[in-house]
Amino acid sequence: MVPLSFGGHAFQATAEGALYWPARGALLVADLHLEKGSWYAARGQMLPPYDSLATLSALTALVERTAAREMWCLGDSFHDVGGCDRLPDDAQSLLRSLTGNLAWTWITGNHDPAILDRCGGEVADEMVVDGVVLRHEAAAAESRPEMSGHFHPKLRLRVRGRSVARRCYVATGTKLILPAFGALTGGLDVTHPAIRQAVGGAAQALVPVEDRLLRFPVAA
């Protein structure tokens, strides 16, 4: 994990796409998209049915690594409103263990706006935590420090003649978009007009690498 300052608070960014908030003992993640594989399978596109377990296993490892006490999920935690019901027994057991041992809050997203049973935890459309707005999709008019997800940002570079894509954070002085944490999620290039419109102004793509945070300007 590498230091990342935002909204007057100190965070630590992980290569997996999560943020750890030491002062609160909190983890923040976005876009888990649990049961995306089964959603596609029901429509004839057969994908390996292990995405939920892989995502929740990675999340469990982060909780153990950080000794987190809180979890904030910034929307699209399930790929659709029926995703929670389709969780395999082993994945559901793992999720219930997590929500039972942490102060867990689900922020609703466009994929999962109305799920009654989320295997524990509390549900909110958005929250303000220590002066930081937590919501699923960035609001261009928001002037307060804001964290969100939704766009699954990725940075694409040419390295030694090869195209390389890395999940990344997108940051301005008042906005921070987290990458998708889910094991089966695609990504939107950081230069996409939808991301530029959401954050406005000069933005940076942030990529945690070992003990430092690489910063790349996002062209306007």
Protein backbone atom coordinates (compact mmCIF):
# COMPACT_ATOMS: atom_id res chain seq x y z
CA MET A 1 0.00 0.00 0.00
CA VAL A 2 1.19 3.50 -0.82
CA PRO A 3 0.20 6.86 0.72
CA LEU A 4 -2.47 8.94 -1.00
CA SER A 5 -3.78 12.24 0.37
CA PHE A 6 -7.29 13.39 -0.47
CA GLY A 7 -9.84 15.74 1.07
CA GLY A 8 -7.57 16.55 3.99
CA HIS A 9 -7.21 12.88 4.96
CA ALA A 10 -4.43 10.32 4.64
CA PHE A 11 -5.24 7.11 2.78
CA GLN A 12 -3.29 4.15 1.49
CA ALA A 13 -3.93 2.89 -2.03
CA THR A 14 -3.59 -0.76 -2.99
CA ALA A 15 -2.72 -2.26 -6.35
CA GLU A 16 -6.00 -4.23 -6.17
CA GLY A 17 -7.95 -0.98 -6.33
CA ALA A 18 -8.97 -0.49 -2.70
CA LEU A 19 -8.31 2.44 -0.38
CA TYR A 20 -7.45 2.00 3.28
CA TRP A 21 -8.32 4.85 5.65
CA PRO A 22 -6.04 4.37 8.69
CA ALA A 23 -7.71 7.01 10.88
CA ARG A 24 -11.01 5.12 10.67
CA GLY A 25 -9.69 1.62 10.15
CA ALA A 26 -11.81 1.57 7.00
CA LEU A 27 -11.55 -0.01 3.57
CA LEU A 28 -13.25 1.52 0.53
CA VAL A 29 -13.90 -0.45 -2.65
CA ALA A 30 -16.02 0.07 -5.76
CA ASP A 31 -17.70 -2.07 -8.37
CA LEU A 32 -17.40 -5.61 -7.05
CA HIS A 33 -20.01 -6.77 -9.61
CA LEU A 34 -20.65 -10.00 -7.72
CA GLU A 35 -22.37 -12.69 -9.81
CA LYS A 36 -21.58 -11.04 -13.11
CA GLY A 37 -20.54 -14.44 -14.45
CA SER A 38 -23.89 -16.08 -13.65
CA TRP A 39 -25.75 -13.11 -15.18
CA TYR A 40 -23.94 -13.67 -18.48
CA ALA A 41 -24.36 -17.44 -18.24
CA ALA A 42 -28.14 -17.05 -17.99
CA ARG A 43 -27.97 -15.19 -21.31
CA GLY A 44 -25.93 -17.83 -23.11
CA GLN A 45 -22.41 -16.46 -22.62
CA MET A 46 -20.72 -19.05 -20.48
CA LEU A 47 -18.07 -17.62 -18.17
CA PRO A 48 -16.25 -19.37 -15.30
CA PRO A 49 -18.59 -19.24 -12.27
CA TYR A 50 -15.89 -18.27 -9.78
CA ASP A 51 -15.83 -14.47 -10.00
CA SER A 52 -17.74 -13.83 -6.76
CA LEU A 53 -15.58 -16.17 -4.71
CA ALA A 54 -12.39 -14.71 -6.21
CA THR A 55 -13.52 -11.15 -5.46
CA LEU A 56 -14.61 -11.93 -1.90
CA SER A 57 -11.45 -13.91 -1.22
CA ALA A 58 -9.34 -10.93 -2.32
CA LEU A 59 -11.45 -8.65 -0.13
CA THR A 60 -11.05 -10.99 2.84
CA ALA A 61 -7.27 -10.98 2.38
CA LEU A 62 -7.26 -7.16 2.44
CA VAL A 63 -9.36 -7.08 5.60
CA GLU A 64 -6.93 -9.44 7.29
CA ARG A 65 -3.94 -7.47 6.04
CA THR A 66 -5.22 -4.12 7.27
CA ALA A 67 -7.23 -5.27 10.32
CA ALA A 68 -10.02 -3.05 8.96
CA ARG A 69 -13.06 -2.36 11.13
CA GLU A 70 -15.24 -0.65 8.51
CA MET A 71 -16.10 -1.39 4.88
CA TRP A 72 -17.60 1.07 2.41
CA CYS A 73 -18.69 -0.38 -0.95
CA LEU A 74 -19.25 2.39 -3.51
CA GLY A 75 -22.00 0.86 -5.63
CA ASP A 76 -22.48 -1.89 -8.21
CA SER A 77 -21.46 -4.41 -5.59
CA PHE A 78 -23.79 -6.88 -7.31
CA HIS A 79 -24.08 -7.05 -11.08
CA ASP A 80 -27.88 -6.97 -10.92
CA VAL A 81 -30.70 -6.89 -8.37
CA GLY A 82 -30.84 -10.71 -8.30
CA GLY A 83 -27.10 -11.15 -7.83
CA CYS A 84 -27.23 -11.61 -4.07
CA ASP A 85 -29.74 -14.47 -4.40
CA ARG A 86 -27.47 -16.29 -6.87
CA LEU A 87 -24.35 -16.28 -4.70
CA PRO A 88 -23.01 -19.83 -4.29
CA ASP A 89 -23.04 -21.15 -0.74
CA ASP A 90 -19.27 -20.74 -0.25
CA ALA A 91 -19.31 -17.14 -1.50
CA GLN A 92 -22.38 -16.26 0.54
CA SER A 93 -20.81 -17.72 3.66
CA LEU A 94 -17.66 -15.67 3.08
CA LEU A 95 -19.69 -12.49 2.52
CA ARG A 96 -21.83 -13.02 5.63
CA SER A 97 -18.67 -13.52 7.66
CA LEU A 98 -17.31 -10.20 6.38
CA THR A 99 -20.49 -8.21 6.95
CA GLY A 100 -20.90 -9.79 10.39
CA ASN A 101 -17.46 -8.76 11.56
CA LEU A 102 -17.21 -5.24 10.10
CA ALA A 103 -19.28 -2.07 10.18
CA TRP A 104 -20.37 -2.59 6.57
CA THR A 105 -22.15 -0.07 4.33
CA TRP A 106 -23.39 -0.73 0.79
CA ILE A 107 -23.75 2.41 -1.35
CA THR A 108 -26.30 1.73 -4.08
CA GLY A 109 -25.28 1.81 -7.74
CA ASN A 110 -26.96 1.73 -11.12
CA HIS A 111 -26.65 -2.08 -11.27
CA ASP A 112 -27.90 -2.74 -7.73
CA PRO A 113 -30.28 0.04 -6.67
CA ALA A 114 -32.85 -2.11 -4.89
CA ILE A 115 -31.57 -5.31 -3.26
CA LEU A 116 -33.32 -6.21 -0.03
CA ASP A 117 -31.00 -8.93 1.25
CA ARG A 118 -27.31 -8.16 0.78
CA CYS A 119 -26.09 -10.80 3.24
CA GLY A 120 -25.81 -8.23 6.02
CA GLY A 121 -24.65 -4.65 6.29
CA GLU A 122 -26.45 -1.33 5.95
CA VAL A 123 -27.60 0.27 2.70
CA ALA A 124 -27.47 3.96 1.69
CA ASP A 125 -27.78 5.90 -1.55
CA GLU A 126 -24.80 8.03 -0.53
CA MET A 127 -23.01 9.11 2.63
CA VAL A 128 -20.84 11.93 3.94
CA VAL A 129 -18.05 10.55 6.14
CA ASP A 130 -15.71 12.99 7.89
CA GLY A 131 -16.42 15.57 5.21
CA VAL A 132 -15.95 13.19 2.24
CA VAL A 133 -18.94 12.39 0.03
CA LEU A 134 -19.22 8.70 -0.84
CA ARG A 135 -21.42 7.89 -3.83
CA HIS A 136 -21.44 5.58 -6.81
CA GLU A 137 -21.15 7.99 -9.72
CA ALA A 138 -19.28 11.29 -9.57
CA ALA A 139 -21.47 14.39 -9.71
CA ALA A 140 -19.86 17.05 -11.87
CA ALA A 141 -21.41 19.87 -9.83
CA GLU A 142 -20.23 18.50 -6.47
CA SER A 143 -17.74 20.89 -4.84
CA ARG A 144 -17.07 18.86 -1.68
CA PRO A 145 -14.38 16.13 -1.63
CA GLU A 146 -16.04 13.16 -3.32
CA MET A 147 -15.14 9.49 -3.76
CA SER A 148 -16.94 7.33 -6.30
CA GLY A 149 -16.64 4.37 -8.65
CA HIS A 150 -18.81 3.50 -11.67
CA PHE A 151 -16.33 4.09 -14.50
CA HIS A 152 -13.82 1.26 -13.83
CA PRO A 153 -10.94 3.53 -14.92
CA LYS A 154 -7.89 2.02 -16.60
CA LEU A 155 -4.68 3.60 -17.84
CA ARG A 156 -3.38 2.32 -21.17
CA LEU A 157 0.27 2.86 -22.08
CA ARG A 158 2.72 1.77 -24.77
CA VAL A 159 5.67 0.07 -23.11
CA ARG A 160 8.47 -1.30 -25.30
CA GLY A 161 6.11 -1.52 -28.24
CA ARG A 162 3.38 -3.30 -26.29
CA SER A 163 0.07 -1.96 -25.06
CA VAL A 164 -0.30 -2.29 -21.28
CA ALA A 165 -3.49 -1.58 -19.30
CA ARG A 166 -3.52 -1.03 -15.55
CA ARG A 167 -6.42 -0.27 -13.27
CA CYS A 168 -5.97 3.18 -11.81
CA TYR A 169 -7.51 5.89 -9.66
CA VAL A 170 -8.55 9.17 -11.26
CA ALA A 171 -7.97 12.23 -9.11
CA THR A 172 -8.50 15.97 -9.07
CA GLY A 173 -8.39 18.32 -6.11
CA THR A 174 -11.95 17.40 -5.10
CA LYS A 175 -12.72 14.10 -6.86
CA LEU A 176 -11.33 10.61 -6.58
CA ILE A 177 -12.68 7.78 -8.74
CA LEU A 178 -11.73 4.29 -7.59
CA PRO A 179 -11.03 1.47 -10.03
CA ALA A 180 -13.27 -1.58 -10.13
CA PHE A 181 -12.30 -4.15 -7.50
CA GLY A 182 -14.28 -7.06 -8.96
CA ALA A 183 -12.48 -10.02 -10.53
CA LEU A 184 -14.66 -9.92 -13.64
CA THR A 185 -14.83 -6.27 -14.58
CA GLY A 186 -13.68 -4.44 -17.67
CA GLY A 187 -12.36 -0.91 -17.73
CA LEU A 188 -12.89 2.48 -19.33
CA ASP A 189 -9.88 4.39 -20.60
CA VAL A 190 -9.09 7.39 -18.40
CA THR A 191 -9.23 9.66 -21.45
CA HIS A 192 -12.84 8.74 -22.20
CA PRO A 193 -15.09 11.84 -22.42
CA ALA A 194 -17.46 10.41 -19.76
CA ILE A 195 -14.66 10.40 -17.18
CA ARG A 196 -13.39 13.84 -18.17
CA GLN A 197 -16.92 15.24 -17.94
CA ALA A 198 -17.45 13.67 -14.50
CA VAL A 199 -14.26 15.03 -12.93
CA GLY A 200 -13.80 18.27 -14.88
CA GLY A 201 -10.56 20.22 -15.04
CA ALA A 202 -7.08 18.76 -14.86
CA ALA A 203 -7.01 15.16 -13.65
CA GLN A 204 -4.35 12.58 -12.92
CA ALA A 205 -4.33 8.82 -13.29
CA LEU A 206 -2.77 7.28 -10.16
CA VAL A 207 -1.18 3.82 -10.27
CA PRO A 208 0.21 2.26 -7.05
CA VAL A 209 3.46 0.42 -7.74
CA GLU A 210 5.38 -1.22 -4.89
CA ASP A 211 6.30 1.66 -2.56
CA ARG A 212 5.24 4.65 -4.66
CA LEU A 213 2.32 6.19 -6.51
CA LEU A 214 2.86 6.85 -10.22
CA ARG A 215 1.03 9.90 -11.52
CA PHE A 216 0.06 10.43 -15.16
CA PRO A 217 -1.70 13.58 -16.42
CA VAL A 218 -5.01 12.89 -18.13
CA ALA A 219 -5.23 14.86 -21.34
CA ALA A 220 -8.17 17.27 -21.48
